[in-house]
N, C-alpha and C. Protein backbone atom coordinates (compact mmCIF):
# COMPACT_ATOMS: atom_id res chain seq x y z
N MET A 1 29.31 15.46 -8.10
CA MET A 1 27.86 14.95 -7.25
C MET A 1 28.18 14.55 -5.99
N GLY A 2 27.55 15.24 -5.04
CA GLY A 2 27.61 14.91 -3.02
C GLY A 2 26.55 13.65 -3.19
N SER A 3 26.85 13.37 -2.35
CA SER A 3 26.02 12.29 -1.46
C SER A 3 24.71 12.87 -0.50
N SER A 4 23.47 12.05 -0.60
CA SER A 4 22.56 12.16 0.33
C SER A 4 22.52 11.50 1.28
N VAL A 5 22.43 12.20 2.02
CA VAL A 5 22.33 11.16 3.67
C VAL A 5 20.41 11.75 3.81
N TYR A 6 19.88 10.44 4.00
CA TYR A 6 18.76 10.21 4.94
C TYR A 6 18.21 9.54 5.83
N PRO A 7 17.93 9.89 6.90
CA PRO A 7 18.17 9.82 8.63
C PRO A 7 16.41 8.56 8.34
N ILE A 8 16.75 7.47 9.00
CA ILE A 8 15.88 6.28 9.10
C ILE A 8 15.85 6.61 10.48
N ASN A 9 14.70 7.06 10.88
CA ASN A 9 14.39 6.49 12.42
C ASN A 9 13.78 5.63 13.40
N LYS A 10 14.72 4.96 13.82
CA LYS A 10 14.30 3.45 14.56
C LYS A 10 14.85 3.46 15.66
N GLY A 11 14.02 3.24 16.56
CA GLY A 11 14.41 3.17 17.74
C GLY A 11 14.06 1.76 18.23
N ILE A 12 14.03 1.48 19.39
CA ILE A 12 14.44 0.04 20.18
C ILE A 12 12.75 -0.27 20.09
N ASN A 13 12.42 -1.82 19.68
CA ASN A 13 10.59 -1.76 19.36
C ASN A 13 10.08 -1.10 18.98
N GLN A 14 10.55 -0.17 17.57
CA GLN A 14 9.76 0.70 17.00
C GLN A 14 9.75 0.48 15.43
N SER A 15 8.83 1.05 14.63
CA SER A 15 8.93 0.36 13.24
C SER A 15 9.40 1.59 12.54
N ILE A 16 10.18 0.72 11.14
CA ILE A 16 11.05 1.99 10.21
C ILE A 16 10.34 3.36 10.03
N GLU A 17 10.46 4.28 10.12
CA GLU A 17 9.75 5.37 9.62
C GLU A 17 10.59 6.35 8.58
N PHE A 18 10.27 6.37 7.16
CA PHE A 18 10.84 6.99 6.32
C PHE A 18 10.05 8.55 5.56
N LYS A 19 11.10 9.71 5.91
CA LYS A 19 9.71 10.61 5.33
C LYS A 19 8.45 10.42 5.90
N GLY A 20 8.14 9.92 6.53
CA GLY A 20 6.94 10.31 7.37
C GLY A 20 6.05 8.86 6.92
N LEU A 21 6.28 7.91 6.17
CA LEU A 21 6.30 6.77 6.15
C LEU A 21 6.44 5.77 6.89
N LYS A 22 5.43 5.22 6.92
CA LYS A 22 5.67 3.83 8.17
C LYS A 22 5.72 2.99 7.92
N ALA A 23 6.56 1.88 8.35
CA ALA A 23 6.57 -0.01 8.10
C ALA A 23 6.22 -0.33 6.59
N GLN A 24 4.97 -1.15 6.50
CA GLN A 24 4.84 -1.89 5.16
C GLN A 24 4.53 -0.36 3.87
N TYR A 25 4.37 0.58 4.23
CA TYR A 25 4.11 1.15 3.18
C TYR A 25 5.14 1.98 2.40
N ILE A 26 6.82 1.64 2.92
CA ILE A 26 7.57 2.25 2.28
C ILE A 26 7.75 1.15 1.18
N TRP A 27 7.65 -0.44 1.48
CA TRP A 27 7.57 -1.38 0.17
C TRP A 27 6.21 -1.06 -0.71
N TYR A 28 5.02 -0.39 -0.19
CA TYR A 28 4.29 -0.41 -1.03
C TYR A 28 4.63 0.92 -2.05
N LEU A 29 4.95 1.75 -1.74
CA LEU A 29 5.50 3.00 -2.61
C LEU A 29 6.69 2.40 -3.50
N GLY A 30 7.56 1.82 -2.88
CA GLY A 30 8.70 0.86 -3.87
C GLY A 30 7.73 0.42 -4.95
N GLY A 31 7.17 -0.48 -4.63
CA GLY A 31 6.23 -1.57 -5.68
C GLY A 31 5.86 -0.85 -6.47
N GLY A 32 5.00 0.04 -6.24
CA GLY A 32 4.68 1.07 -6.65
C GLY A 32 5.05 1.80 -8.10
N VAL A 33 6.54 2.22 -7.70
CA VAL A 33 7.06 2.77 -8.48
C VAL A 33 7.67 1.84 -9.12
N VAL A 34 8.01 0.54 -9.02
CA VAL A 34 8.83 -0.03 -10.10
C VAL A 34 7.36 -0.38 -10.76
N ILE A 35 6.37 -0.58 -10.58
CA ILE A 35 5.00 -1.24 -11.79
C ILE A 35 5.02 0.25 -12.47
N LEU A 36 4.99 1.28 -12.30
CA LEU A 36 5.40 2.53 -13.33
C LEU A 36 6.17 2.75 -13.81
N MET A 37 7.59 2.29 -13.69
CA MET A 37 8.16 1.91 -14.61
C MET A 37 8.35 0.98 -15.84
N ILE A 38 7.76 0.25 -15.26
CA ILE A 38 7.32 -1.06 -16.21
C ILE A 38 6.28 -0.79 -17.17
N LEU A 39 5.34 0.16 -16.71
CA LEU A 39 4.23 0.67 -17.83
C LEU A 39 4.88 1.39 -18.42
N PHE A 40 5.99 2.71 -18.37
CA PHE A 40 6.12 3.70 -18.76
C PHE A 40 6.73 2.86 -20.30
N ALA A 41 7.67 2.01 -19.38
CA ALA A 41 8.19 1.46 -20.91
C ALA A 41 7.20 0.35 -21.74
N VAL A 42 6.39 0.01 -21.12
CA VAL A 42 5.71 -1.13 -22.08
C VAL A 42 5.07 0.56 -23.43
N LEU A 43 4.24 1.48 -22.33
CA LEU A 43 3.97 2.33 -23.08
C LEU A 43 4.43 3.07 -24.49
N TYR A 44 5.80 3.19 -23.74
CA TYR A 44 6.80 3.98 -25.10
C TYR A 44 7.16 2.73 -25.90
N ILE A 45 6.94 1.57 -25.51
CA ILE A 45 7.45 0.28 -26.94
C ILE A 45 6.17 0.43 -27.46
N ALA A 46 5.13 0.65 -27.23
CA ALA A 46 4.18 0.48 -27.89
C ALA A 46 3.41 1.71 -28.99
N GLY A 47 4.35 2.65 -28.89
CA GLY A 47 4.53 4.04 -29.68
C GLY A 47 3.73 4.97 -29.41
N ILE A 48 3.33 4.70 -28.12
CA ILE A 48 2.80 6.53 -27.98
C ILE A 48 3.62 7.24 -27.29
N PRO A 49 3.28 8.79 -27.59
CA PRO A 49 4.46 9.88 -27.92
C PRO A 49 4.63 9.64 -26.36
N SER A 50 6.02 10.23 -26.07
CA SER A 50 6.96 10.13 -24.71
C SER A 50 5.88 11.10 -24.17
N LEU A 51 5.53 12.50 -24.63
CA LEU A 51 5.15 13.05 -23.68
C LEU A 51 3.97 12.83 -22.53
N ILE A 52 2.87 12.48 -23.80
CA ILE A 52 1.69 11.22 -23.43
C ILE A 52 2.16 10.27 -22.25
N CYS A 53 2.96 9.46 -22.20
CA CYS A 53 3.31 8.47 -21.37
C CYS A 53 3.60 9.42 -20.11
N ILE A 54 4.91 10.66 -20.18
CA ILE A 54 5.23 10.99 -18.91
C ILE A 54 4.27 11.89 -18.34
N GLY A 55 3.09 12.30 -19.05
CA GLY A 55 2.30 13.05 -17.97
C GLY A 55 1.19 11.97 -17.64
N LEU A 56 0.92 10.95 -17.96
CA LEU A 56 0.16 9.75 -17.71
C LEU A 56 1.39 9.11 -16.55
N ILE A 57 1.90 8.61 -16.69
CA ILE A 57 2.81 8.04 -15.26
C ILE A 57 3.32 9.33 -14.24
N GLY A 58 3.27 10.40 -14.55
CA GLY A 58 3.14 11.43 -13.68
C GLY A 58 1.73 11.83 -12.95
N ALA A 59 0.84 11.55 -13.46
CA ALA A 59 -0.30 11.73 -12.92
C ALA A 59 -0.15 10.90 -11.95
N SER A 60 0.20 9.31 -12.54
CA SER A 60 -0.64 7.97 -11.90
C SER A 60 0.76 8.23 -10.71
N GLY A 61 1.58 8.49 -10.63
CA GLY A 61 2.76 8.47 -9.62
C GLY A 61 2.78 9.51 -8.77
N ALA A 62 1.62 10.79 -9.09
CA ALA A 62 1.31 11.53 -7.72
C ALA A 62 0.29 11.15 -7.37
N LEU A 63 -1.03 10.66 -7.59
CA LEU A 63 -1.95 9.56 -7.36
C LEU A 63 -1.62 8.89 -5.98
N LEU A 64 -0.70 8.02 -6.70
CA LEU A 64 0.11 6.62 -5.84
C LEU A 64 1.20 7.23 -4.37
N VAL A 65 1.72 8.66 -4.97
CA VAL A 65 2.00 8.85 -3.28
C VAL A 65 1.02 9.26 -2.72
N PHE A 66 0.13 10.19 -2.70
CA PHE A 66 -1.16 11.27 -2.16
C PHE A 66 -1.63 9.58 -1.53
N LYS A 67 -2.13 8.98 -2.35
CA LYS A 67 -2.74 7.39 -1.51
C LYS A 67 -2.08 7.02 -0.50
N ILE A 68 -0.74 6.54 -0.74
CA ILE A 68 0.21 5.87 0.04
C ILE A 68 0.38 6.95 1.25
N TYR A 69 0.97 7.96 1.17
CA TYR A 69 0.53 8.65 2.84
C TYR A 69 -0.44 8.86 3.22
N ARG A 70 -1.51 8.91 2.39
CA ARG A 70 -2.99 8.88 3.13
C ARG A 70 -3.56 7.84 4.39
N MET A 71 -2.64 6.38 3.26
CA MET A 71 -3.09 5.54 3.78
C MET A 71 -2.09 5.40 5.58
N SER A 72 -1.13 5.77 4.71
CA SER A 72 0.34 6.12 6.30
C SER A 72 -0.36 6.50 7.47
N HIS A 73 -0.73 7.53 7.06
CA HIS A 73 -1.58 8.54 8.29
C HIS A 73 -3.00 8.35 8.55
N LYS A 74 -3.56 7.47 7.45
CA LYS A 74 -4.61 7.27 9.09
C LYS A 74 -4.38 6.02 9.29
N TYR A 75 -4.22 4.71 8.95
CA TYR A 75 -4.04 3.39 9.35
C TYR A 75 -3.04 3.37 10.78
N GLY A 76 -1.80 3.76 9.93
CA GLY A 76 -0.59 3.70 10.91
C GLY A 76 -0.08 2.38 10.59
N GLU A 77 0.79 1.50 11.67
CA GLU A 77 1.94 0.39 11.39
C GLU A 77 1.22 -0.32 11.07
N TYR A 78 -0.06 -1.19 11.85
CA TYR A 78 -0.93 -1.89 11.81
C TYR A 78 -2.44 -1.72 11.96
N GLY A 79 -3.20 -0.51 11.63
CA GLY A 79 -4.06 -0.33 11.32
C GLY A 79 -5.16 -1.03 9.73
N MET A 80 -4.09 -0.97 8.95
CA MET A 80 -4.74 -1.04 7.76
C MET A 80 -4.84 -2.88 7.99
N MET A 81 -3.68 -3.48 7.92
CA MET A 81 -4.13 -5.23 8.80
C MET A 81 -5.20 -5.47 9.18
N LYS A 82 -5.71 -4.42 10.41
CA LYS A 82 -6.73 -4.53 11.34
C LYS A 82 -7.67 -4.42 10.77
N ALA A 83 -8.31 -3.69 9.65
CA ALA A 83 -9.23 -2.79 9.14
C ALA A 83 -9.47 -4.34 8.03
N LEU A 84 -8.66 -4.81 7.49
CA LEU A 84 -9.20 -5.51 6.29
C LEU A 84 -9.65 -6.83 6.94
N ALA A 85 -8.79 -7.41 8.52
CA ALA A 85 -9.36 -8.85 8.89
C ALA A 85 -10.31 -8.28 9.76
N LYS A 86 -11.07 -6.84 10.26
CA LYS A 86 -12.74 -6.74 10.76
C LYS A 86 -13.59 -7.26 9.50
N LYS A 87 -13.73 -6.51 7.92
CA LYS A 87 -14.11 -6.92 7.15
C LYS A 87 -14.24 -8.32 6.92
N GLN A 88 -13.92 -9.52 7.44
CA GLN A 88 -13.44 -10.55 7.23
C GLN A 88 -14.61 -11.66 8.37
N ILE A 89 -15.08 -10.59 9.67
CA ILE A 89 -15.56 -11.52 10.53
C ILE A 89 -16.82 -11.17 9.93
N PRO A 90 -17.61 -12.70 10.31
CA PRO A 90 -19.28 -12.26 9.72
C PRO A 90 -19.73 -11.52 10.49
N LYS A 91 -20.69 -11.02 9.98
CA LYS A 91 -21.65 -9.74 11.12
C LYS A 91 -22.75 -10.58 12.11
N CYS A 92 -23.30 -11.94 11.49
CA CYS A 92 -23.73 -13.26 12.01
C CYS A 92 -23.83 -14.37 11.64
N ILE A 93 -24.28 -15.04 12.64
CA ILE A 93 -24.10 -17.33 12.45
C ILE A 93 -25.41 -17.66 12.32
N LYS A 94 -26.13 -17.64 11.36
CA LYS A 94 -27.28 -18.21 11.42
C LYS A 94 -27.10 -20.11 11.28
N VAL A 95 -27.75 -20.30 12.00
CA VAL A 95 -28.14 -22.17 12.22
C VAL A 95 -29.67 -22.56 12.19
N TYR A 96 -30.11 -23.14 11.17
CA TYR A 96 -30.93 -23.51 11.00
C TYR A 96 -31.89 -24.78 11.43
N SER A 97 -30.92 -25.75 11.99
CA SER A 97 -31.12 -26.92 12.66
C SER A 97 -30.75 -27.10 14.13
N ARG A 98 -31.30 -27.70 14.79
CA ARG A 98 -31.26 -28.14 15.84
C ARG A 98 -29.99 -28.96 16.51
N ALA A 99 -29.52 -29.80 15.69
CA ALA A 99 -28.92 -30.77 15.30
C ALA A 99 -27.69 -30.47 15.93
N VAL A 100 -27.23 -29.44 15.86
CA VAL A 100 -25.55 -28.93 16.15
C VAL A 100 -25.77 -28.79 17.62
N PHE A 101 -26.99 -28.39 18.38
CA PHE A 101 -27.16 -28.38 20.02
C PHE A 101 -27.88 -29.52 20.52
N ALA A 102 -28.49 -30.76 20.06
CA ALA A 102 -28.78 -32.32 20.50
C ALA A 102 -27.84 -33.03 20.74
N LYS A 103 -26.70 -33.16 19.65
CA LYS A 103 -25.43 -34.17 20.35
C LYS A 103 -24.62 -34.19 21.12
N ILE A 104 -25.41 -35.61 21.72
CA ILE A 104 -25.25 -36.13 23.15
C ILE A 104 -23.43 -36.82 23.11
């Protein structure tokens, strides 16, 4: 069995990139795979036939990889965090009393 060498491109002040995934998306994909393995074990122990378990986990895994790669290409290294932060900003601030402005 030969050893595989995977290049991890990292320059000075550059984020880690592995097979097209950037920064935190590598961790998201790894966490998703661990969750799918646990789900497979739970389904198998629950008595669901193994072919159905494999099909369900395989389809979920393919969807997971597709979504993670799409988010990585759409948002980049920090874009998703910026998009989530932008949603937290209120559209407007309403003040129904002048007491705030009348304080001396």
